[in-house]
Amino acid sequence: CDSGQDPVLEEELIRTMARQVDGVVVCASALDDETLAE
């Protein structure tokens, strides 16, 4: 998925993928540390 450099969309995509895959590779994340840790 392409987040379009949008942190809100990036978080949404990871949450959606988490239910469908074994793990997610996140490139050059723009999310804050707290959100990424969660």
PDB file of all heavy atoms in Angstrom:
ATOM      1  N   CYS A   1       0.837  -1.192   0.000  1.00  0.00           N
ATOM      2  CA  CYS A   1       0.000   0.000   0.000  1.00  0.00           C
ATOM      3  C   CYS A   1       0.871   1.242   0.000  1.00  0.00           C
ATOM      4  O   CYS A   1       1.983   1.237   0.533  1.00  0.00           O
ATOM      5  CB  CYS A   1      -0.905   0.036   1.235  1.00  0.00           C
ATOM      6  SG  CYS A   1      -2.157  -1.254   1.290  1.00  0.00           S
ATOM      7  N   ASP A   2       0.341   2.310  -0.577  1.00  0.00           N
ATOM      8  CA  ASP A   2       1.003   3.611  -0.626  1.00  0.00           C
ATOM      9  C   ASP A   2       0.202   4.562   0.257  1.00  0.00           C
ATOM     10  O   ASP A   2      -0.986   4.787   0.022  1.00  0.00           O
ATOM     11  CB  ASP A   2       1.013   4.093  -2.079  1.00  0.00           C
ATOM     12  CG  ASP A   2       1.732   5.419  -2.267  1.00  0.00           C
ATOM     13  OD1 ASP A   2       1.942   6.141  -1.276  1.00  0.00           O
ATOM     14  OD2 ASP A   2       2.065   5.742  -3.425  1.00  0.00           O
ATOM     15  N   SER A   3       0.849   5.123   1.277  1.00  0.00           N
ATOM     16  CA  SER A   3       0.148   6.013   2.200  1.00  0.00           C
ATOM     17  C   SER A   3       0.056   7.444   1.697  1.00  0.00           C
ATOM     18  O   SER A   3      -0.587   8.288   2.342  1.00  0.00           O
ATOM     19  CB  SER A   3       0.847   6.011   3.570  1.00  0.00           C
ATOM     20  OG  SER A   3       2.111   6.643   3.479  1.00  0.00           O
ATOM     21  N   GLY A   4       0.715   7.750   0.578  1.00  0.00           N
ATOM     22  CA  GLY A   4       0.668   9.101   0.052  1.00  0.00           C
ATOM     23  C   GLY A   4       1.255  10.140   0.998  1.00  0.00           C
ATOM     24  O   GLY A   4       0.843  11.303   0.982  1.00  0.00           O
ATOM     25  N   GLN A   5       2.207   9.729   1.846  1.00  0.00           N
ATOM     26  CA  GLN A   5       2.851  10.607   2.828  1.00  0.00           C
ATOM     27  C   GLN A   5       1.846  11.188   3.822  1.00  0.00           C
ATOM     28  O   GLN A   5       2.059  12.256   4.392  1.00  0.00           O
ATOM     29  CB  GLN A   5       3.616  11.740   2.119  1.00  0.00           C
ATOM     30  CG  GLN A   5       4.666  11.238   1.140  1.00  0.00           C
ATOM     31  CD  GLN A   5       5.422  12.358   0.461  1.00  0.00           C
ATOM     32  OE1 GLN A   5       5.994  13.209   1.120  1.00  0.00           O
ATOM     33  NE2 GLN A   5       5.420  12.360  -0.857  1.00  0.00           N
ATOM     34  N   ASP A   6       0.768  10.458   4.047  1.00  0.00           N
ATOM     35  CA  ASP A   6      -0.286  10.887   4.973  1.00  0.00           C
ATOM     36  C   ASP A   6      -0.238  10.008   6.221  1.00  0.00           C
ATOM     37  O   ASP A   6      -0.588   8.826   6.147  1.00  0.00           O
ATOM     38  CB  ASP A   6      -1.647  10.768   4.287  1.00  0.00           C
ATOM     39  CG  ASP A   6      -2.800  11.223   5.175  1.00  0.00           C
ATOM     40  OD1 ASP A   6      -2.588  11.445   6.385  1.00  0.00           O
ATOM     41  OD2 ASP A   6      -3.928  11.348   4.651  1.00  0.00           O
ATOM     42  N   PRO A   7       0.178  10.541   7.376  1.00  0.00           N
ATOM     43  CA  PRO A   7       0.287   9.715   8.587  1.00  0.00           C
ATOM     44  C   PRO A   7      -1.041   9.084   9.002  1.00  0.00           C
ATOM     45  O   PRO A   7      -1.055   7.953   9.498  1.00  0.00           O
ATOM     46  CB  PRO A   7       0.780  10.701   9.649  1.00  0.00           C
ATOM     47  CG  PRO A   7       1.410  11.816   8.892  1.00  0.00           C
ATOM     48  CD  PRO A   7       0.647  11.915   7.612  1.00  0.00           C
ATOM     49  N   VAL A   8      -2.148   9.795   8.806  1.00  0.00           N
ATOM     50  CA  VAL A   8      -3.458   9.247   9.169  1.00  0.00           C
ATOM     51  C   VAL A   8      -3.771   8.021   8.324  1.00  0.00           C
ATOM     52  O   VAL A   8      -4.218   6.979   8.834  1.00  0.00           O
ATOM     53  CB  VAL A   8      -4.564  10.319   9.010  1.00  0.00           C
ATOM     54  CG1 VAL A   8      -5.943   9.701   9.272  1.00  0.00           C
ATOM     55  CG2 VAL A   8      -4.320  11.488   9.957  1.00  0.00           C
ATOM     56  N   LEU A   9      -3.544   8.130   7.012  1.00  0.00           N
ATOM     57  CA  LEU A   9      -3.779   6.993   6.124  1.00  0.00           C
ATOM     58  C   LEU A   9      -2.806   5.862   6.416  1.00  0.00           C
ATOM     59  O   LEU A   9      -3.178   4.678   6.370  1.00  0.00           O
ATOM     60  CB  LEU A   9      -3.651   7.440   4.669  1.00  0.00           C
ATOM     61  CG  LEU A   9      -3.861   6.353   3.601  1.00  0.00           C
ATOM     62  CD1 LEU A   9      -5.214   5.686   3.760  1.00  0.00           C
ATOM     63  CD2 LEU A   9      -3.699   6.947   2.202  1.00  0.00           C
ATOM     64  N   GLU A  10      -1.561   6.199   6.733  1.00  0.00           N
ATOM     65  CA  GLU A  10      -0.567   5.171   7.062  1.00  0.00           C
ATOM     66  C   GLU A  10      -1.033   4.329   8.247  1.00  0.00           C
ATOM     67  O   GLU A  10      -0.980   3.089   8.210  1.00  0.00           O
ATOM     68  CB  GLU A  10       0.776   5.825   7.385  1.00  0.00           C
ATOM     69  CG  GLU A  10       1.877   4.831   7.724  1.00  0.00           C
ATOM     70  CD  GLU A  10       3.178   5.515   8.110  1.00  0.00           C
ATOM     71  OE1 GLU A  10       3.378   6.694   7.758  1.00  0.00           O
ATOM     72  OE2 GLU A  10       4.005   4.861   8.783  1.00  0.00           O
ATOM     73  N   GLU A  11      -1.496   4.990   9.293  1.00  0.00           N
ATOM     74  CA  GLU A  11      -1.982   4.258  10.464  1.00  0.00           C
ATOM     75  C   GLU A  11      -3.175   3.376  10.094  1.00  0.00           C
ATOM     76  O   GLU A  11      -3.256   2.205  10.510  1.00  0.00           O
ATOM     77  CB  GLU A  11      -2.382   5.240  11.563  1.00  0.00           C
ATOM     78  CG  GLU A  11      -2.943   4.544  12.803  1.00  0.00           C
ATOM     79  CD  GLU A  11      -3.369   5.527  13.887  1.00  0.00           C
ATOM     80  OE1 GLU A  11      -3.141   6.748  13.731  1.00  0.00           O
ATOM     81  OE2 GLU A  11      -3.946   5.062  14.891  1.00  0.00           O
ATOM     82  N   GLU A  12      -4.097   3.915   9.315  1.00  0.00           N
ATOM     83  CA  GLU A  12      -5.281   3.158   8.905  1.00  0.00           C
ATOM     84  C   GLU A  12      -4.896   1.919   8.108  1.00  0.00           C
ATOM     85  O   GLU A  12      -5.451   0.827   8.306  1.00  0.00           O
ATOM     86  CB  GLU A  12      -6.188   4.067   8.081  1.00  0.00           C
ATOM     87  CG  GLU A  12      -7.460   3.409   7.583  1.00  0.00           C
ATOM     88  CD  GLU A  12      -8.272   4.347   6.707  1.00  0.00           C
ATOM     89  OE1 GLU A  12      -8.317   5.556   7.007  1.00  0.00           O
ATOM     90  OE2 GLU A  12      -8.852   3.865   5.711  1.00  0.00           O
ATOM     91  N   LEU A  13      -3.922   2.068   7.194  1.00  0.00           N
ATOM     92  CA  LEU A  13      -3.494   0.940   6.370  1.00  0.00           C
ATOM     93  C   LEU A  13      -2.852  -0.157   7.216  1.00  0.00           C
ATOM     94  O   LEU A  13      -3.100  -1.350   7.001  1.00  0.00           O
ATOM     95  CB  LEU A  13      -2.504   1.424   5.306  1.00  0.00           C
ATOM     96  CG  LEU A  13      -3.086   2.296   4.192  1.00  0.00           C
ATOM     97  CD1 LEU A  13      -1.965   2.881   3.343  1.00  0.00           C
ATOM     98  CD2 LEU A  13      -4.043   1.493   3.325  1.00  0.00           C
ATOM     99  N   ILE A  14      -2.021   0.234   8.179  1.00  0.00           N
ATOM    100  CA  ILE A  14      -1.373  -0.771   9.028  1.00  0.00           C
ATOM    101  C   ILE A  14      -2.408  -1.515   9.865  1.00  0.00           C
ATOM    102  O   ILE A  14      -2.344  -2.741  10.019  1.00  0.00           O
ATOM    103  CB  ILE A  14      -0.300  -0.116   9.926  1.00  0.00           C
ATOM    104  CG1 ILE A  14       0.820   0.473   9.071  1.00  0.00           C
ATOM    105  CG2 ILE A  14       0.282  -1.141  10.902  1.00  0.00           C
ATOM    106  CD1 ILE A  14       1.809   1.315   9.848  1.00  0.00           C
ATOM    107  N   ARG A  15      -3.370  -0.785  10.412  1.00  0.00           N
ATOM    108  CA  ARG A  15      -4.426  -1.431  11.208  1.00  0.00           C
ATOM    109  C   ARG A  15      -5.233  -2.410  10.357  1.00  0.00           C
ATOM    110  O   ARG A  15      -5.578  -3.508  10.808  1.00  0.00           O
ATOM    111  CB  ARG A  15      -5.347  -0.377  11.815  1.00  0.00           C
ATOM    112  CG  ARG A  15      -4.718   0.442  12.929  1.00  0.00           C
ATOM    113  CD  ARG A  15      -5.736   1.358  13.603  1.00  0.00           C
ATOM    114  NE  ARG A  15      -5.085   2.197  14.591  1.00  0.00           N
ATOM    115  CZ  ARG A  15      -4.796   1.807  15.829  1.00  0.00           C
ATOM    116  NH1 ARG A  15      -5.122   0.574  16.219  1.00  0.00           N
ATOM    117  NH2 ARG A  15      -4.199   2.625  16.676  1.00  0.00           N
ATOM    118  N   THR A  16      -5.531  -2.036   9.125  1.00  0.00           N
ATOM    119  CA  THR A  16      -6.286  -2.928   8.244  1.00  0.00           C
ATOM    120  C   THR A  16      -5.469  -4.153   7.875  1.00  0.00           C
ATOM    121  O   THR A  16      -5.965  -5.292   7.908  1.00  0.00           O
ATOM    122  CB  THR A  16      -6.697  -2.175   6.960  1.00  0.00           C
ATOM    123  OG1 THR A  16      -7.504  -1.045   7.318  1.00  0.00           O
ATOM    124  CG2 THR A  16      -7.482  -3.073   6.023  1.00  0.00           C
ATOM    125  N   MET A  17      -4.208  -3.945   7.528  1.00  0.00           N
ATOM    126  CA  MET A  17      -3.342  -5.060   7.146  1.00  0.00           C
ATOM    127  C   MET A  17      -3.129  -6.032   8.303  1.00  0.00           C
ATOM    128  O   MET A  17      -2.988  -7.241   8.089  1.00  0.00           O
ATOM    129  CB  MET A  17      -1.983  -4.540   6.670  1.00  0.00           C
ATOM    130  CG  MET A  17      -1.950  -4.088   5.231  1.00  0.00           C
ATOM    131  SD  MET A  17      -0.230  -3.741   4.729  1.00  0.00           S
ATOM    132  CE  MET A  17      -0.447  -3.628   2.961  1.00  0.00           C
ATOM    133  N   ALA A  18      -3.085  -5.514   9.526  1.00  0.00           N
ATOM    134  CA  ALA A  18      -2.791  -6.350  10.695  1.00  0.00           C
ATOM    135  C   ALA A  18      -3.765  -7.510  10.825  1.00  0.00           C
ATOM    136  O   ALA A  18      -3.432  -8.552  11.390  1.00  0.00           O
ATOM    137  CB  ALA A  18      -2.807  -5.502  11.967  1.00  0.00           C
ATOM    138  N   ARG A  19      -4.974  -7.360  10.289  1.00  0.00           N
ATOM    139  CA  ARG A  19      -5.983  -8.416  10.384  1.00  0.00           C
ATOM    140  C   ARG A  19      -5.858  -9.443   9.262  1.00  0.00           C
ATOM    141  O   ARG A  19      -6.555 -10.452   9.281  1.00  0.00           O
ATOM    142  CB  ARG A  19      -7.387  -7.788  10.351  1.00  0.00           C
ATOM    143  CG  ARG A  19      -7.659  -6.826  11.486  1.00  0.00           C
ATOM    144  CD  ARG A  19      -9.138  -6.450  11.549  1.00  0.00           C
ATOM    145  NE  ARG A  19      -9.543  -5.646  10.405  1.00  0.00           N
ATOM    146  CZ  ARG A  19      -9.548  -4.317  10.391  1.00  0.00           C
ATOM    147  NH1 ARG A  19      -9.143  -3.639  11.465  1.00  0.00           N
ATOM    148  NH2 ARG A  19      -9.953  -3.648   9.326  1.00  0.00           N
ATOM    149  N   GLN A  20      -4.987  -9.162   8.294  1.00  0.00           N
ATOM    150  CA  GLN A  20      -4.939 -10.015   7.102  1.00  0.00           C
ATOM    151  C   GLN A  20      -3.585 -10.644   6.825  1.00  0.00           C
ATOM    152  O   GLN A  20      -3.471 -11.502   5.954  1.00  0.00           O
ATOM    153  CB  GLN A  20      -5.337  -9.182   5.874  1.00  0.00           C
ATOM    154  CG  GLN A  20      -6.669  -8.471   6.009  1.00  0.00           C
ATOM    155  CD  GLN A  20      -6.930  -7.539   4.841  1.00  0.00           C
ATOM    156  OE1 GLN A  20      -6.804  -7.927   3.682  1.00  0.00           O
ATOM    157  NE2 GLN A  20      -7.283  -6.299   5.126  1.00  0.00           N
ATOM    158  N   VAL A  21      -2.548 -10.196   7.516  1.00  0.00           N
ATOM    159  CA  VAL A  21      -1.189 -10.659   7.222  1.00  0.00           C
ATOM    160  C   VAL A  21      -0.495 -11.109   8.497  1.00  0.00           C
ATOM    161  O   VAL A  21      -0.971 -10.868   9.602  1.00  0.00           O
ATOM    162  CB  VAL A  21      -0.361  -9.540   6.538  1.00  0.00           C
ATOM    163  CG1 VAL A  21      -0.994  -9.119   5.222  1.00  0.00           C
ATOM    164  CG2 VAL A  21      -0.208  -8.338   7.465  1.00  0.00           C
ATOM    165  N   ASP A  22       0.654 -11.759   8.321  1.00  0.00           N
ATOM    166  CA  ASP A  22       1.436 -12.212   9.473  1.00  0.00           C
ATOM    167  C   ASP A  22       2.312 -11.098  10.039  1.00  0.00           C
ATOM    168  O   ASP A  22       2.735 -11.161  11.191  1.00  0.00           O
ATOM    169  CB  ASP A  22       2.325 -13.394   9.063  1.00  0.00           C
ATOM    170  CG  ASP A  22       1.516 -14.583   8.587  1.00  0.00           C
ATOM    171  OD1 ASP A  22       0.425 -14.807   9.137  1.00  0.00           O
ATOM    172  OD2 ASP A  22       1.968 -15.266   7.648  1.00  0.00           O
ATOM    173  N   GLY A  23       2.605 -10.096   9.240  1.00  0.00           N
ATOM    174  CA  GLY A  23       3.436  -8.993   9.696  1.00  0.00           C
ATOM    175  C   GLY A  23       3.506  -7.924   8.628  1.00  0.00           C
ATOM    176  O   GLY A  23       3.161  -8.157   7.462  1.00  0.00           O
ATOM    177  N   VAL A  24       3.942  -6.722   9.028  1.00  0.00           N
ATOM    178  CA  VAL A  24       3.968  -5.584   8.114  1.00  0.00           C
ATOM    179  C   VAL A  24       5.339  -4.916   8.143  1.00  0.00           C
ATOM    180  O   VAL A  24       5.883  -4.633   9.218  1.00  0.00           O
ATOM    181  CB  VAL A  24       2.896  -4.535   8.485  1.00  0.00           C
ATOM    182  CG1 VAL A  24       2.927  -3.362   7.498  1.00  0.00           C
ATOM    183  CG2 VAL A  24       1.504  -5.162   8.519  1.00  0.00           C
ATOM    184  N   VAL A  25       5.893  -4.664   6.958  1.00  0.00           N
ATOM    185  CA  VAL A  25       7.095  -3.857   6.809  1.00  0.00           C
ATOM    186  C   VAL A  25       6.642  -2.414   6.558  1.00  0.00           C
ATOM    187  O   VAL A  25       5.855  -2.165   5.644  1.00  0.00           O
ATOM    188  CB  VAL A  25       7.959  -4.350   5.630  1.00  0.00           C
ATOM    189  CG1 VAL A  25       9.149  -3.412   5.406  1.00  0.00           C
ATOM    190  CG2 VAL A  25       8.433  -5.773   5.878  1.00  0.00           C
ATOM    191  N   VAL A  26       7.123  -1.499   7.377  1.00  0.00           N
ATOM    192  CA  VAL A  26       6.718  -0.090   7.265  1.00  0.00           C
ATOM    193  C   VAL A  26       7.935   0.735   6.880  1.00  0.00           C
ATOM    194  O   VAL A  26       8.923   0.789   7.621  1.00  0.00           O
ATOM    195  CB  VAL A  26       6.121   0.423   8.590  1.00  0.00           C
ATOM    196  CG1 VAL A  26       5.645   1.865   8.423  1.00  0.00           C
ATOM    197  CG2 VAL A  26       4.968  -0.472   9.049  1.00  0.00           C
ATOM    198  N   CYS A  27       7.870   1.384   5.714  1.00  0.00           N
ATOM    199  CA  CYS A  27       9.009   2.150   5.193  1.00  0.00           C
ATOM    200  C   CYS A  27       8.872   3.627   5.528  1.00  0.00           C
ATOM    201  O   CYS A  27       7.821   4.229   5.277  1.00  0.00           O
ATOM    202  CB  CYS A  27       9.096   2.004   3.683  1.00  0.00           C
ATOM    203  SG  CYS A  27       9.496   0.354   3.123  1.00  0.00           S
ATOM    204  N   ALA A  28       9.956   4.197   6.056  1.00  0.00           N
ATOM    205  CA  ALA A  28      10.049   5.648   6.265  1.00  0.00           C
ATOM    206  C   ALA A  28       8.790   6.195   6.910  1.00  0.00           C
ATOM    207  O   ALA A  28       8.189   7.155   6.429  1.00  0.00           O
ATOM    208  CB  ALA A  28      10.332   6.352   4.938  1.00  0.00           C
ATOM    209  N   SER A  29       8.395   5.603   8.012  1.00  0.00           N
ATOM    210  CA  SER A  29       7.135   5.980   8.657  1.00  0.00           C
ATOM    211  C   SER A  29       7.153   7.431   9.131  1.00  0.00           C
ATOM    212  O   SER A  29       8.142   7.923   9.666  1.00  0.00           O
ATOM    213  CB  SER A  29       6.859   5.068   9.849  1.00  0.00           C
ATOM    214  OG  SER A  29       5.675   5.466  10.512  1.00  0.00           O
ATOM    215  N   ALA A  30       5.997   8.106   8.948  1.00  0.00           N
ATOM    216  CA  ALA A  30       5.826   9.473   9.428  1.00  0.00           C
ATOM    217  C   ALA A  30       5.050   9.508  10.740  1.00  0.00           C
ATOM    218  O   ALA A  30       4.731  10.576  11.251  1.00  0.00           O
ATOM    219  CB  ALA A  30       5.102  10.318   8.386  1.00  0.00           C
ATOM    220  N   LEU A  31       4.737   8.341  11.295  1.00  0.00           N
ATOM    221  CA  LEU A  31       3.955   8.277  12.527  1.00  0.00           C
ATOM    222  C   LEU A  31       4.812   8.597  13.743  1.00  0.00           C
ATOM    223  O   LEU A  31       6.028   8.379  13.743  1.00  0.00           O
ATOM    224  CB  LEU A  31       3.347   6.879  12.684  1.00  0.00           C
ATOM    225  CG  LEU A  31       2.291   6.501  11.637  1.00  0.00           C
ATOM    226  CD1 LEU A  31       1.933   5.029  11.760  1.00  0.00           C
ATOM    227  CD2 LEU A  31       1.044   7.364  11.802  1.00  0.00           C
ATOM    228  N   ASP A  32       4.175   9.089  14.802  1.00  0.00           N
ATOM    229  CA  ASP A  32       4.907   9.344  16.034  1.00  0.00           C
ATOM    230  C   ASP A  32       5.231   8.026  16.729  1.00  0.00           C
ATOM    231  O   ASP A  32       4.629   6.978  16.452  1.00  0.00           O
ATOM    232  CB  ASP A  32       4.102  10.260  16.969  1.00  0.00           C
ATOM    233  CG  ASP A  32       2.751   9.658  17.344  1.00  0.00           C
ATOM    234  OD1 ASP A  32       2.723   8.756  18.202  1.00  0.00           O
ATOM    235  OD2 ASP A  32       1.728  10.077  16.778  1.00  0.00           O
ATOM    236  N   ASP A  33       6.186   8.075  17.646  1.00  0.00           N
ATOM    237  CA  ASP A  33       6.672   6.859  18.313  1.00  0.00           C
ATOM    238  C   ASP A  33       5.559   6.120  19.043  1.00  0.00           C
ATOM    239  O   ASP A  33       5.474   4.884  19.000  1.00  0.00           O
ATOM    240  CB  ASP A  33       7.786   7.215  19.306  1.00  0.00           C
ATOM    241  CG  ASP A  33       9.085   7.603  18.613  1.00  0.00           C
ATOM    242  OD1 ASP A  33       9.140   7.512  17.365  1.00  0.00           O
ATOM    243  OD2 ASP A  33      10.028   7.996  19.317  1.00  0.00           O
ATOM    244  N   GLU A  34       4.696   6.865  19.728  1.00  0.00           N
ATOM    245  CA  GLU A  34       3.632   6.236  20.519  1.00  0.00           C
ATOM    246  C   GLU A  34       2.678   5.444  19.634  1.00  0.00           C
ATOM    247  O   GLU A  34       2.298   4.312  19.955  1.00  0.00           O
ATOM    248  CB  GLU A  34       2.868   7.308  21.296  1.00  0.00           C
ATOM    249  CG  GLU A  34       1.798   6.743  22.218  1.00  0.00           C
ATOM    250  CD  GLU A  34       1.084   7.824  23.015  1.00  0.00           C
ATOM    251  OE1 GLU A  34       1.504   8.996  22.944  1.00  0.00           O
ATOM    252  OE2 GLU A  34       0.096   7.497  23.705  1.00  0.00           O
ATOM    253  N   THR A  35       2.296   6.025  18.512  1.00  0.00           N
ATOM    254  CA  THR A  35       1.379   5.333  17.599  1.00  0.00           C
ATOM    255  C   THR A  35       2.031   4.099  17.001  1.00  0.00           C
ATOM    256  O   THR A  35       1.414   3.026  16.920  1.00  0.00           O
ATOM    257  CB  THR A  35       0.923   6.283  16.481  1.00  0.00           C
ATOM    258  OG1 THR A  35       0.279   7.420  17.053  1.00  0.00           O
ATOM    259  CG2 THR A  35      -0.048   5.587  15.541  1.00  0.00           C
ATOM    260  N   LEU A  36       3.283   4.236  16.577  1.00  0.00           N
ATOM    261  CA  LEU A  36       3.981   3.083  16.010  1.00  0.00           C
ATOM    262  C   LEU A  36       4.109   1.949  17.019  1.00  0.00           C
ATOM    263  O   LEU A  36       3.919   0.777  16.682  1.00  0.00           O
ATOM    264  CB  LEU A  36       5.380   3.500  15.538  1.00  0.00           C
ATOM    265  CG  LEU A  36       5.554   3.885  14.076  1.00  0.00           C
ATOM    266  CD1 LEU A  36       7.005   4.230  13.802  1.00  0.00           C
ATOM    267  CD2 LEU A  36       5.083   2.772  13.145  1.00  0.00           C
ATOM    268  N   ALA A  37       4.433   2.288  18.255  1.00  0.00           N
ATOM    269  CA  ALA A  37       4.575   1.262  19.297  1.00  0.00           C
ATOM    270  C   ALA A  37       3.255   0.547  19.523  1.00  0.00           C
ATOM    271  O   ALA A  37       3.219  -0.678  19.721  1.00  0.00           O
ATOM    272  CB  ALA A  37       5.073   1.902  20.591  1.00  0.00           C
ATOM    273  N   GLU A  38       2.154   1.287  19.479  1.00  0.00           N
ATOM    274  CA  GLU A  38       0.840   0.661  19.677  1.00  0.00           C
ATOM    275  C   GLU A  38       0.489  -0.254  18.513  1.00  0.00           C
ATOM    276  O   GLU A  38      -0.034  -1.356  18.690  1.00  0.00           O
ATOM    277  CB  GLU A  38      -0.216   1.765  19.826  1.00  0.00           C
ATOM    278  CG  GLU A  38      -1.570   1.245  20.330  1.00  0.00           C
ATOM    279  CD  GLU A  38      -2.569   1.063  19.207  1.00  0.00           C
ATOM    280  OE1 GLU A  38      -2.522   1.830  18.240  1.00  0.00           O
ATOM    281  OE2 GLU A  38      -3.396   0.128  19.303  1.00  0.00           O
TER     282      GLU A  38
END
